[in-house]
Amino acid sequence: MIRINLLPFRAARRKENIRRQVSVFVLLLIFFILALFYYNLLMNEKIVKKRNQIKSVKNRIVLYKKKVNKVSVIKKRLKIMQQKFDIIKSLQAKRRESVELLDKMTGIIVPKRMWLTSLKTDNKSVKITGIAFDNKTVADFMTRLEGSSLFSNVDLKNIRMKKIDKTVQMKAFEVLCRKTVVKNKKSIKKVKK
């Protein structure tokens, strides 16, 4: 019987398989290293882009902070201007109020029997000082004040004798009264419509 030795062929085949597996492993390892290197390059590029974006955003933040500071300064100035405007507006309203008060007072005083020496007013009250010939004139003046639509709670604070030119004796008085709220004629017309 003829014998064929297959061992060297099998050994050669086994060596070939091992060589093939080693070469596939080496190729896979090289491919994996190249893939990692490529991925590393991509990540580094992304990191550089993100750092540049962060830098540009920080620069914009600095720029916008300057603009925000300018806007806040402008807002403060605007607020101050608005306060000044409101003060001017209230002064204009009070200016008209004072003139109207003096105009009404000329109709309330007792003519040729009394004179006003001072008139002090604030938001809610009016302090009137003056001189008169007698107590009856002061009483008439207070009655007229109560009868007017401008005042309420008319109160005589004090009355005393005052000598003028060593021969004439007059009564110096001080009256305190509260202002009443008078609606504007325009707002009354709007309500009637």
N, C-alpha and C. Protein backbone atom coordinates (compact mmCIF):
# COMPACT_ATOMS: atom_id res chain seq x y z
N MET A 1 0.81 -1.14 0.00
CA MET A 1 0.00 0.00 0.00
C MET A 1 0.87 1.23 0.00
N ILE A 2 0.35 2.16 -0.68
CA ILE A 2 1.14 3.36 -0.88
C ILE A 2 0.75 4.35 0.23
N ARG A 3 1.79 4.87 0.75
CA ARG A 3 1.53 5.82 1.83
C ARG A 3 1.90 7.21 1.36
N ILE A 4 1.00 8.10 1.67
CA ILE A 4 1.26 9.50 1.29
C ILE A 4 1.38 10.28 2.61
N ASN A 5 2.41 11.01 2.71
CA ASN A 5 2.63 11.82 3.92
C ASN A 5 1.95 13.19 3.70
N LEU A 6 0.86 13.41 4.39
CA LEU A 6 0.12 14.67 4.28
C LEU A 6 0.51 15.67 5.38
N LEU A 7 1.34 15.25 6.26
CA LEU A 7 1.73 16.11 7.35
C LEU A 7 2.46 17.38 6.88
N PRO A 8 3.42 17.31 5.98
CA PRO A 8 4.04 18.55 5.58
C PRO A 8 3.05 19.48 4.89
N PHE A 9 2.09 18.93 4.17
CA PHE A 9 1.10 19.78 3.51
C PHE A 9 0.20 20.42 4.56
N ARG A 10 -0.20 19.63 5.55
CA ARG A 10 -1.04 20.17 6.61
C ARG A 10 -0.25 21.19 7.43
N ALA A 11 1.00 20.93 7.66
CA ALA A 11 1.84 21.85 8.42
C ALA A 11 2.02 23.13 7.63
N ALA A 12 2.21 22.99 6.33
CA ALA A 12 2.35 24.19 5.50
C ALA A 12 1.03 24.96 5.47
N ARG A 13 -0.06 24.24 5.44
CA ARG A 13 -1.38 24.88 5.42
C ARG A 13 -1.63 25.59 6.76
N ARG A 14 -1.23 24.95 7.81
CA ARG A 14 -1.40 25.54 9.14
C ARG A 14 -0.54 26.79 9.25
N LYS A 15 0.69 26.73 8.76
CA LYS A 15 1.56 27.89 8.76
C LYS A 15 0.95 29.02 7.92
N GLU A 16 0.38 28.65 6.80
CA GLU A 16 -0.26 29.64 5.92
C GLU A 16 -1.45 30.27 6.64
N ASN A 17 -2.25 29.49 7.32
CA ASN A 17 -3.40 30.03 8.07
C ASN A 17 -2.94 30.98 9.18
N ILE A 18 -1.89 30.58 9.87
CA ILE A 18 -1.36 31.44 10.95
C ILE A 18 -0.82 32.73 10.36
N ARG A 19 -0.10 32.63 9.26
CA ARG A 19 0.43 33.82 8.61
C ARG A 19 -0.71 34.71 8.14
N ARG A 20 -1.74 34.12 7.56
CA ARG A 20 -2.89 34.89 7.09
C ARG A 20 -3.59 35.59 8.28
N GLN A 21 -3.77 34.86 9.38
CA GLN A 21 -4.44 35.44 10.55
C GLN A 21 -3.59 36.57 11.15
N VAL A 22 -2.28 36.35 11.19
CA VAL A 22 -1.38 37.40 11.71
C VAL A 22 -1.44 38.61 10.79
N SER A 23 -1.41 38.40 9.48
CA SER A 23 -1.46 39.54 8.55
C SER A 23 -2.80 40.25 8.65
N VAL A 24 -3.91 39.49 8.80
CA VAL A 24 -5.23 40.14 8.97
C VAL A 24 -5.24 40.93 10.26
N PHE A 25 -4.65 40.34 11.34
CA PHE A 25 -4.61 41.03 12.62
C PHE A 25 -3.77 42.30 12.52
N VAL A 26 -2.62 42.19 11.86
CA VAL A 26 -1.75 43.37 11.69
C VAL A 26 -2.45 44.42 10.85
N LEU A 27 -3.11 43.98 9.75
CA LEU A 27 -3.85 44.95 8.92
C LEU A 27 -4.98 45.62 9.71
N LEU A 28 -5.72 44.80 10.48
CA LEU A 28 -6.78 45.37 11.32
C LEU A 28 -6.21 46.34 12.35
N LEU A 29 -5.08 45.98 12.93
CA LEU A 29 -4.44 46.86 13.91
C LEU A 29 -4.01 48.16 13.25
N ILE A 30 -3.41 48.05 12.07
CA ILE A 30 -2.99 49.26 11.34
C ILE A 30 -4.21 50.10 10.97
N PHE A 31 -5.26 49.45 10.50
CA PHE A 31 -6.50 50.17 10.15
C PHE A 31 -7.10 50.84 11.40
N PHE A 32 -7.10 50.13 12.52
CA PHE A 32 -7.63 50.68 13.76
C PHE A 32 -6.80 51.88 14.22
N ILE A 33 -5.46 51.77 14.12
CA ILE A 33 -4.58 52.89 14.50
C ILE A 33 -4.81 54.07 13.58
N LEU A 34 -4.93 53.80 12.25
CA LEU A 34 -5.21 54.89 11.31
C LEU A 34 -6.56 55.54 11.61
N ALA A 35 -7.58 54.72 11.95
CA ALA A 35 -8.91 55.25 12.29
C ALA A 35 -8.82 56.12 13.54
N LEU A 36 -8.08 55.64 14.55
CA LEU A 36 -7.90 56.44 15.77
C LEU A 36 -7.16 57.74 15.48
N PHE A 37 -6.15 57.66 14.65
CA PHE A 37 -5.40 58.87 14.28
C PHE A 37 -6.31 59.87 13.56
N TYR A 38 -7.13 59.37 12.61
CA TYR A 38 -8.07 60.23 11.88
C TYR A 38 -9.11 60.83 12.85
N TYR A 39 -9.62 60.00 13.75
CA TYR A 39 -10.60 60.49 14.74
C TYR A 39 -9.96 61.54 15.65
N ASN A 40 -8.70 61.31 16.01
CA ASN A 40 -7.97 62.27 16.84
C ASN A 40 -7.81 63.60 16.11
N LEU A 41 -7.47 63.52 14.81
CA LEU A 41 -7.35 64.75 14.02
C LEU A 41 -8.69 65.50 13.96
N LEU A 42 -9.78 64.76 13.74
CA LEU A 42 -11.10 65.39 13.70
C LEU A 42 -11.44 66.06 15.03
N MET A 43 -11.17 65.36 16.12
CA MET A 43 -11.47 65.92 17.45
C MET A 43 -10.61 67.15 17.73
N ASN A 44 -9.34 67.11 17.35
CA ASN A 44 -8.47 68.28 17.54
C ASN A 44 -8.98 69.46 16.73
N GLU A 45 -9.41 69.19 15.50
CA GLU A 45 -9.96 70.26 14.66
C GLU A 45 -11.21 70.85 15.30
N LYS A 46 -12.11 69.98 15.83
CA LYS A 46 -13.31 70.46 16.49
C LYS A 46 -12.98 71.27 17.75
N ILE A 47 -11.96 70.79 18.48
CA ILE A 47 -11.54 71.51 19.69
C ILE A 47 -11.02 72.89 19.33
N VAL A 48 -10.22 72.98 18.26
CA VAL A 48 -9.69 74.27 17.82
C VAL A 48 -10.84 75.19 17.40
N LYS A 49 -11.82 74.64 16.65
CA LYS A 49 -12.97 75.44 16.23
C LYS A 49 -13.75 75.95 17.45
N LYS A 50 -13.98 75.07 18.43
CA LYS A 50 -14.73 75.46 19.63
C LYS A 50 -13.98 76.52 20.42
N ARG A 51 -12.66 76.36 20.50
CA ARG A 51 -11.85 77.37 21.22
C ARG A 51 -11.94 78.71 20.50
N ASN A 52 -11.88 78.68 19.17
CA ASN A 52 -12.02 79.94 18.42
C ASN A 52 -13.41 80.55 18.63
N GLN A 53 -14.44 79.68 18.64
CA GLN A 53 -15.79 80.19 18.90
C GLN A 53 -15.89 80.78 20.30
N ILE A 54 -15.31 80.10 21.28
CA ILE A 54 -15.33 80.61 22.66
C ILE A 54 -14.62 81.96 22.74
N LYS A 55 -13.50 82.06 22.05
CA LYS A 55 -12.74 83.31 22.05
C LYS A 55 -13.56 84.44 21.41
N SER A 56 -14.21 84.13 20.27
CA SER A 56 -15.03 85.17 19.61
C SER A 56 -16.24 85.54 20.47
N VAL A 57 -16.83 84.54 21.15
CA VAL A 57 -17.97 84.83 22.03
C VAL A 57 -17.51 85.70 23.20
N LYS A 58 -16.35 85.41 23.75
CA LYS A 58 -15.83 86.24 24.85
C LYS A 58 -15.58 87.67 24.38
N ASN A 59 -15.05 87.80 23.16
CA ASN A 59 -14.83 89.14 22.60
C ASN A 59 -16.17 89.88 22.43
N ARG A 60 -17.19 89.14 21.95
CA ARG A 60 -18.51 89.75 21.80
C ARG A 60 -19.11 90.13 23.15
N ILE A 61 -18.87 89.27 24.15
CA ILE A 61 -19.37 89.57 25.50
C ILE A 61 -18.76 90.87 26.01
N VAL A 62 -17.46 91.02 25.81
CA VAL A 62 -16.79 92.26 26.23
C VAL A 62 -17.40 93.45 25.49
N LEU A 63 -17.60 93.30 24.18
CA LEU A 63 -18.19 94.38 23.39
C LEU A 63 -19.60 94.70 23.87
N TYR A 64 -20.41 93.65 24.11
CA TYR A 64 -21.78 93.87 24.55
C TYR A 64 -21.84 94.43 25.96
N LYS A 65 -20.87 94.06 26.81
CA LYS A 65 -20.83 94.64 28.15
C LYS A 65 -20.62 96.15 28.07
N LYS A 66 -19.76 96.57 27.16
CA LYS A 66 -19.55 98.00 26.97
C LYS A 66 -20.84 98.66 26.51
N LYS A 67 -21.54 98.00 25.58
CA LYS A 67 -22.80 98.56 25.10
C LYS A 67 -23.86 98.57 26.20
N VAL A 68 -23.89 97.52 27.01
CA VAL A 68 -24.84 97.45 28.12
C VAL A 68 -24.54 98.57 29.11
N ASN A 69 -23.28 98.83 29.37
CA ASN A 69 -22.91 99.92 30.27
C ASN A 69 -23.37 101.26 29.71
N LYS A 70 -23.19 101.45 28.40
CA LYS A 70 -23.66 102.68 27.77
C LYS A 70 -25.17 102.80 27.88
N VAL A 71 -25.87 101.69 27.65
CA VAL A 71 -27.34 101.70 27.73
C VAL A 71 -27.79 102.00 29.16
N SER A 72 -27.11 101.42 30.15
CA SER A 72 -27.50 101.68 31.53
C SER A 72 -27.26 103.15 31.89
N VAL A 73 -26.18 103.72 31.39
CA VAL A 73 -25.92 105.15 31.63
C VAL A 73 -27.01 105.98 30.96
N ILE A 74 -27.39 105.60 29.76
CA ILE A 74 -28.45 106.33 29.05
C ILE A 74 -29.77 106.19 29.79
N LYS A 75 -30.06 105.00 30.31
CA LYS A 75 -31.30 104.79 31.07
C LYS A 75 -31.31 105.65 32.33
N LYS A 76 -30.16 105.72 33.00
CA LYS A 76 -30.09 106.57 34.20
C LYS A 76 -30.34 108.03 33.84
N ARG A 77 -29.73 108.48 32.75
CA ARG A 77 -29.94 109.87 32.31
C ARG A 77 -31.40 110.09 31.92
N LEU A 78 -31.98 109.11 31.26
CA LEU A 78 -33.38 109.21 30.86
C LEU A 78 -34.28 109.28 32.09
N LYS A 79 -33.96 108.48 33.09
CA LYS A 79 -34.75 108.50 34.34
C LYS A 79 -34.65 109.86 35.01
N ILE A 80 -33.44 110.41 35.05
CA ILE A 80 -33.25 111.74 35.65
C ILE A 80 -34.01 112.79 34.85
N MET A 81 -33.95 112.68 33.52
CA MET A 81 -34.68 113.64 32.68
C MET A 81 -36.19 113.52 32.90
N GLN A 82 -36.68 112.29 33.04
CA GLN A 82 -38.10 112.08 33.29
C GLN A 82 -38.51 112.68 34.64
N GLN A 83 -37.66 112.52 35.65
CA GLN A 83 -37.94 113.13 36.95
C GLN A 83 -37.98 114.64 36.84
N LYS A 84 -37.04 115.20 36.10
CA LYS A 84 -37.03 116.65 35.91
C LYS A 84 -38.28 117.10 35.17
N PHE A 85 -38.66 116.33 34.16
CA PHE A 85 -39.86 116.66 33.40
C PHE A 85 -41.10 116.62 34.29
N ASP A 86 -41.17 115.60 35.16
CA ASP A 86 -42.30 115.49 36.08
C ASP A 86 -42.34 116.65 37.06
N ILE A 87 -41.16 117.07 37.53
CA ILE A 87 -41.09 118.21 38.44
C ILE A 87 -41.57 119.48 37.73
N ILE A 88 -41.12 119.67 36.50
CA ILE A 88 -41.55 120.85 35.73
C ILE A 88 -43.05 120.82 35.52
N LYS A 89 -43.58 119.64 35.20
CA LYS A 89 -45.02 119.50 34.98
C LYS A 89 -45.80 119.83 36.26
N SER A 90 -45.33 119.33 37.40
CA SER A 90 -46.02 119.62 38.65
C SER A 90 -45.90 121.09 39.02
N LEU A 91 -44.74 121.69 38.73
CA LEU A 91 -44.58 123.12 39.01
C LEU A 91 -45.52 123.96 38.14
N GLN A 92 -45.67 123.56 36.88
CA GLN A 92 -46.59 124.29 36.02
C GLN A 92 -48.03 124.18 36.53
N ALA A 93 -48.40 122.99 36.99
CA ALA A 93 -49.76 122.81 37.53
C ALA A 93 -49.93 123.62 38.80
N LYS A 94 -48.92 123.64 39.66
CA LYS A 94 -49.02 124.40 40.90
C LYS A 94 -48.99 125.90 40.65
N ARG A 95 -48.29 126.30 39.60
CA ARG A 95 -48.23 127.73 39.28
C ARG A 95 -49.62 128.24 38.96
N ARG A 96 -50.34 127.51 38.18
CA ARG A 96 -51.70 127.87 37.82
C ARG A 96 -52.61 127.84 39.05
N GLU A 97 -52.38 126.85 39.90
CA GLU A 97 -53.18 126.71 41.12
C GLU A 97 -52.99 127.91 42.04
N SER A 98 -51.75 128.39 42.19
CA SER A 98 -51.48 129.53 43.06
C SER A 98 -52.15 130.80 42.53
N VAL A 99 -52.08 130.99 41.21
CA VAL A 99 -52.71 132.17 40.62
C VAL A 99 -54.23 132.12 40.81
N GLU A 100 -54.81 130.95 40.61
CA GLU A 100 -56.25 130.81 40.82
C GLU A 100 -56.62 131.04 42.28
N LEU A 101 -55.78 130.55 43.20
CA LEU A 101 -56.03 130.76 44.62
C LEU A 101 -56.02 132.23 44.97
N LEU A 102 -55.01 132.96 44.49
CA LEU A 102 -54.95 134.40 44.75
C LEU A 102 -56.13 135.13 44.12
N ASP A 103 -56.55 134.70 42.94
CA ASP A 103 -57.69 135.32 42.29
C ASP A 103 -58.96 135.12 43.11
N LYS A 104 -59.16 133.91 43.63
CA LYS A 104 -60.34 133.63 44.45
C LYS A 104 -60.28 134.38 45.76
N MET A 105 -59.06 134.54 46.31
CA MET A 105 -58.91 135.24 47.59
C MET A 105 -59.32 136.71 47.48
N THR A 106 -59.14 137.32 46.32
CA THR A 106 -59.54 138.72 46.16
C THR A 106 -61.06 138.88 46.28
N GLY A 107 -61.79 137.85 45.91
CA GLY A 107 -63.24 137.92 46.05
C GLY A 107 -63.72 137.55 47.44
N ILE A 108 -62.88 136.86 48.21
CA ILE A 108 -63.29 136.41 49.54
C ILE A 108 -63.01 137.46 50.62
N ILE A 109 -61.93 138.23 50.48
CA ILE A 109 -61.58 139.19 51.54
C ILE A 109 -62.65 140.28 51.63
N VAL A 110 -62.74 140.85 52.82
CA VAL A 110 -63.68 141.95 53.06
C VAL A 110 -62.98 143.23 52.61
N PRO A 111 -63.48 143.88 51.56
CA PRO A 111 -62.76 145.04 51.02
C PRO A 111 -62.75 146.23 51.98
N LYS A 112 -61.65 146.93 52.01
CA LYS A 112 -61.41 148.15 52.78
C LYS A 112 -61.54 147.93 54.28
N ARG A 113 -61.64 146.67 54.75
CA ARG A 113 -61.75 146.39 56.18
C ARG A 113 -60.61 145.46 56.64
N MET A 114 -59.95 144.80 55.69
CA MET A 114 -58.87 143.87 56.05
C MET A 114 -57.86 143.77 54.91
N TRP A 115 -56.64 143.29 55.27
CA TRP A 115 -55.57 143.10 54.31
C TRP A 115 -54.81 141.82 54.65
N LEU A 116 -54.41 141.13 53.62
CA LEU A 116 -53.63 139.91 53.83
C LEU A 116 -52.15 140.27 53.84
N THR A 117 -51.42 139.70 54.82
CA THR A 117 -49.97 139.95 54.88
C THR A 117 -49.17 138.77 54.33
N SER A 118 -49.70 137.55 54.47
CA SER A 118 -49.01 136.41 53.87
C SER A 118 -50.01 135.29 53.60
N LEU A 119 -49.65 134.50 52.63
CA LEU A 119 -50.47 133.35 52.23
C LEU A 119 -49.50 132.22 51.92
N LYS A 120 -49.48 131.20 52.80
CA LYS A 120 -48.59 130.07 52.61
C LYS A 120 -49.44 128.85 52.31
N THR A 121 -49.02 128.12 51.29
CA THR A 121 -49.80 126.95 50.88
C THR A 121 -48.89 125.75 50.66
N ASP A 122 -49.44 124.58 50.92
CA ASP A 122 -48.76 123.33 50.57
C ASP A 122 -49.80 122.44 49.90
N ASN A 123 -49.56 121.16 49.82
CA ASN A 123 -50.47 120.27 49.08
C ASN A 123 -51.86 120.21 49.68
N LYS A 124 -51.97 120.29 51.02
CA LYS A 124 -53.26 120.06 51.64
C LYS A 124 -53.81 121.25 52.43
N SER A 125 -52.97 122.16 52.84
CA SER A 125 -53.47 123.24 53.70
C SER A 125 -52.98 124.60 53.23
N VAL A 126 -53.67 125.64 53.77
CA VAL A 126 -53.33 127.02 53.46
C VAL A 126 -53.28 127.77 54.79
N LYS A 127 -52.22 128.54 54.98
CA LYS A 127 -52.07 129.37 56.17
C LYS A 127 -52.17 130.83 55.73
N ILE A 128 -53.17 131.53 56.27
CA ILE A 128 -53.44 132.92 55.89
C ILE A 128 -53.20 133.80 57.10
N THR A 129 -52.36 134.82 56.94
CA THR A 129 -52.18 135.82 57.99
C THR A 129 -52.53 137.18 57.42
N GLY A 130 -53.07 138.03 58.29
CA GLY A 130 -53.45 139.36 57.83
C GLY A 130 -53.81 140.26 58.99
N ILE A 131 -54.29 141.44 58.65
CA ILE A 131 -54.76 142.39 59.66
C ILE A 131 -56.14 142.87 59.27
N ALA A 132 -56.94 143.20 60.29
CA ALA A 132 -58.31 143.67 60.06
C ALA A 132 -58.62 144.75 61.09
N PHE A 133 -59.69 145.50 60.84
CA PHE A 133 -60.08 146.56 61.78
C PHE A 133 -60.65 145.99 63.08
N ASP A 134 -61.43 144.90 62.98
CA ASP A 134 -62.06 144.38 64.18
C ASP A 134 -62.30 142.88 64.06
N ASN A 135 -62.84 142.29 65.15
CA ASN A 135 -63.10 140.86 65.18
C ASN A 135 -64.20 140.46 64.22
N LYS A 136 -65.19 141.31 64.04
CA LYS A 136 -66.31 141.01 63.14
C LYS A 136 -65.82 140.83 61.70
N THR A 137 -64.87 141.63 61.29
CA THR A 137 -64.31 141.50 59.93
C THR A 137 -63.61 140.15 59.77
N VAL A 138 -62.87 139.73 60.80
CA VAL A 138 -62.19 138.42 60.75
C VAL A 138 -63.23 137.31 60.69
N ALA A 139 -64.32 137.45 61.47
CA ALA A 139 -65.38 136.44 61.46
C ALA A 139 -66.05 136.38 60.09
N ASP A 140 -66.31 137.54 59.48
CA ASP A 140 -66.90 137.56 58.14
C ASP A 140 -65.97 136.90 57.12
N PHE A 141 -64.68 137.16 57.24
CA PHE A 141 -63.70 136.56 56.33
C PHE A 141 -63.71 135.03 56.47
N MET A 142 -63.74 134.54 57.71
CA MET A 142 -63.77 133.10 57.93
C MET A 142 -65.06 132.48 57.38
N THR A 143 -66.19 133.19 57.51
CA THR A 143 -67.46 132.70 56.97
C THR A 143 -67.38 132.61 55.45
N ARG A 144 -66.78 133.61 54.84
CA ARG A 144 -66.62 133.58 53.38
C ARG A 144 -65.70 132.44 52.94
N LEU A 145 -64.64 132.18 53.72
CA LEU A 145 -63.74 131.06 53.41
C LEU A 145 -64.49 129.73 53.46
N GLU A 146 -65.32 129.55 54.51
CA GLU A 146 -66.09 128.31 54.62
C GLU A 146 -67.11 128.18 53.50
N GLY A 147 -67.66 129.30 53.07
CA GLY A 147 -68.66 129.29 52.00
C GLY A 147 -68.08 129.04 50.63
N SER A 148 -66.78 129.26 50.46
CA SER A 148 -66.18 129.03 49.15
C SER A 148 -65.97 127.54 48.92
N SER A 149 -65.83 127.16 47.67
CA SER A 149 -65.63 125.75 47.33
C SER A 149 -64.15 125.33 47.42
N LEU A 150 -63.28 126.27 47.76
CA LEU A 150 -61.85 125.98 47.80
C LEU A 150 -61.36 125.43 49.13
N PHE A 151 -62.04 125.78 50.23
CA PHE A 151 -61.51 125.47 51.55
C PHE A 151 -62.52 124.71 52.40
N SER A 152 -61.97 123.95 53.35
CA SER A 152 -62.77 123.29 54.37
C SER A 152 -61.98 123.34 55.67
N ASN A 153 -62.62 123.05 56.78
CA ASN A 153 -61.97 123.04 58.10
C ASN A 153 -61.25 124.36 58.38
N VAL A 154 -61.95 125.47 58.25
CA VAL A 154 -61.37 126.79 58.51
C VAL A 154 -61.23 126.94 60.02
N ASP A 155 -60.00 127.26 60.47
CA ASP A 155 -59.72 127.32 61.90
C ASP A 155 -58.91 128.58 62.19
N LEU A 156 -59.36 129.35 63.18
CA LEU A 156 -58.65 130.56 63.60
C LEU A 156 -57.58 130.14 64.60
N LYS A 157 -56.32 130.30 64.23
CA LYS A 157 -55.23 129.89 65.11
C LYS A 157 -54.97 130.92 66.20
N ASN A 158 -54.89 132.18 65.82
CA ASN A 158 -54.74 133.23 66.84
C ASN A 158 -55.19 134.57 66.30
N ILE A 159 -55.54 135.46 67.22
CA ILE A 159 -55.89 136.84 66.89
C ILE A 159 -55.36 137.69 68.03
N ARG A 160 -54.74 138.83 67.71
CA ARG A 160 -54.16 139.68 68.74
C ARG A 160 -54.20 141.13 68.28
N MET A 161 -54.06 142.00 69.23
CA MET A 161 -54.04 143.43 68.93
C MET A 161 -52.68 143.80 68.36
N LYS A 162 -52.72 144.74 67.40
CA LYS A 162 -51.47 145.20 66.80
C LYS A 162 -51.59 146.70 66.60
N LYS A 163 -50.59 147.43 67.10
CA LYS A 163 -50.59 148.90 66.95
C LYS A 163 -49.86 149.27 65.68
N ILE A 164 -50.48 150.16 64.94
CA ILE A 164 -49.86 150.68 63.72
C ILE A 164 -49.80 152.19 63.88
N ASP A 165 -48.64 152.79 63.74
CA ASP A 165 -48.41 154.23 63.86
C ASP A 165 -48.82 154.77 65.23
N LYS A 166 -48.75 154.04 66.29
CA LYS A 166 -49.01 154.41 67.67
C LYS A 166 -50.43 154.91 67.93
N THR A 167 -51.23 155.13 66.89
CA THR A 167 -52.58 155.63 67.10
C THR A 167 -53.64 154.64 66.64
N VAL A 168 -53.32 153.84 65.63
CA VAL A 168 -54.30 152.92 65.06
C VAL A 168 -54.06 151.53 65.64
N GLN A 169 -55.13 150.95 66.21
CA GLN A 169 -55.06 149.58 66.71
C GLN A 169 -55.86 148.67 65.78
N MET A 170 -55.19 147.60 65.35
CA MET A 170 -55.85 146.67 64.45
C MET A 170 -55.70 145.26 65.00
N LYS A 171 -56.40 144.32 64.39
CA LYS A 171 -56.34 142.92 64.81
C LYS A 171 -55.49 142.14 63.81
N ALA A 172 -54.42 141.51 64.31
CA ALA A 172 -53.59 140.62 63.49
C ALA A 172 -54.13 139.21 63.71
N PHE A 173 -54.36 138.49 62.63
CA PHE A 173 -54.95 137.16 62.76
C PHE A 173 -54.18 136.14 61.92
N GLU A 174 -54.42 134.88 62.29
CA GLU A 174 -53.82 133.76 61.55
C GLU A 174 -54.90 132.69 61.42
N VAL A 175 -55.19 132.32 60.15
CA VAL A 175 -56.22 131.32 59.87
C VAL A 175 -55.57 130.15 59.13
N LEU A 176 -55.94 128.94 59.54
CA LEU A 176 -55.44 127.72 58.89
C LEU A 176 -56.64 126.97 58.34
N CYS A 177 -56.59 126.60 57.07
CA CYS A 177 -57.70 125.84 56.47
C CYS A 177 -57.14 124.81 55.51
N ARG A 178 -57.96 123.81 55.24
CA ARG A 178 -57.57 122.72 54.34
C ARG A 178 -58.12 123.00 52.95
N LYS A 179 -57.35 122.59 51.94
CA LYS A 179 -57.82 122.71 50.56
C LYS A 179 -58.81 121.61 50.26
N THR A 180 -59.79 121.92 49.45
CA THR A 180 -60.70 120.88 48.98
C THR A 180 -60.28 120.48 47.58
N VAL A 181 -60.59 119.27 47.21
CA VAL A 181 -60.21 118.76 45.89
C VAL A 181 -61.23 119.28 44.89
N VAL A 182 -60.76 120.03 43.91
CA VAL A 182 -61.63 120.57 42.87
C VAL A 182 -61.36 119.80 41.59
N LYS A 183 -62.39 119.21 41.02
CA LYS A 183 -62.23 118.47 39.77
C LYS A 183 -62.10 119.44 38.62
N ASN A 184 -61.31 119.04 37.65
CA ASN A 184 -61.15 119.87 36.45
C ASN A 184 -62.45 119.95 35.69
N LYS A 185 -62.69 121.09 35.06
CA LYS A 185 -63.91 121.27 34.28
C LYS A 185 -63.94 120.29 33.10
N LYS A 186 -62.79 119.99 32.53
CA LYS A 186 -62.74 119.07 31.40
C LYS A 186 -63.19 117.68 31.82
N SER A 187 -62.74 117.22 33.01
CA SER A 187 -63.13 115.88 33.45
C SER A 187 -64.62 115.83 33.79
N ILE A 188 -65.19 116.95 34.29
CA ILE A 188 -66.63 116.99 34.56
C ILE A 188 -67.41 116.90 33.27
N LYS A 189 -66.96 117.59 32.22
CA LYS A 189 -67.64 117.53 30.92
C LYS A 189 -67.59 116.12 30.35
N LYS A 190 -66.46 115.45 30.51
CA LYS A 190 -66.35 114.09 29.98
C LYS A 190 -67.31 113.15 30.69
N VAL A 191 -67.49 113.35 31.99
CA VAL A 191 -68.40 112.49 32.75
C VAL A 191 -69.83 112.72 32.31
N LYS A 192 -70.21 113.97 32.02
CA LYS A 192 -71.59 114.27 31.61
C LYS A 192 -71.90 113.68 30.24
N LYS A 193 -70.93 113.60 29.36
CA LYS A 193 -71.16 113.04 28.03
C LYS A 193 -71.37 111.57 28.16
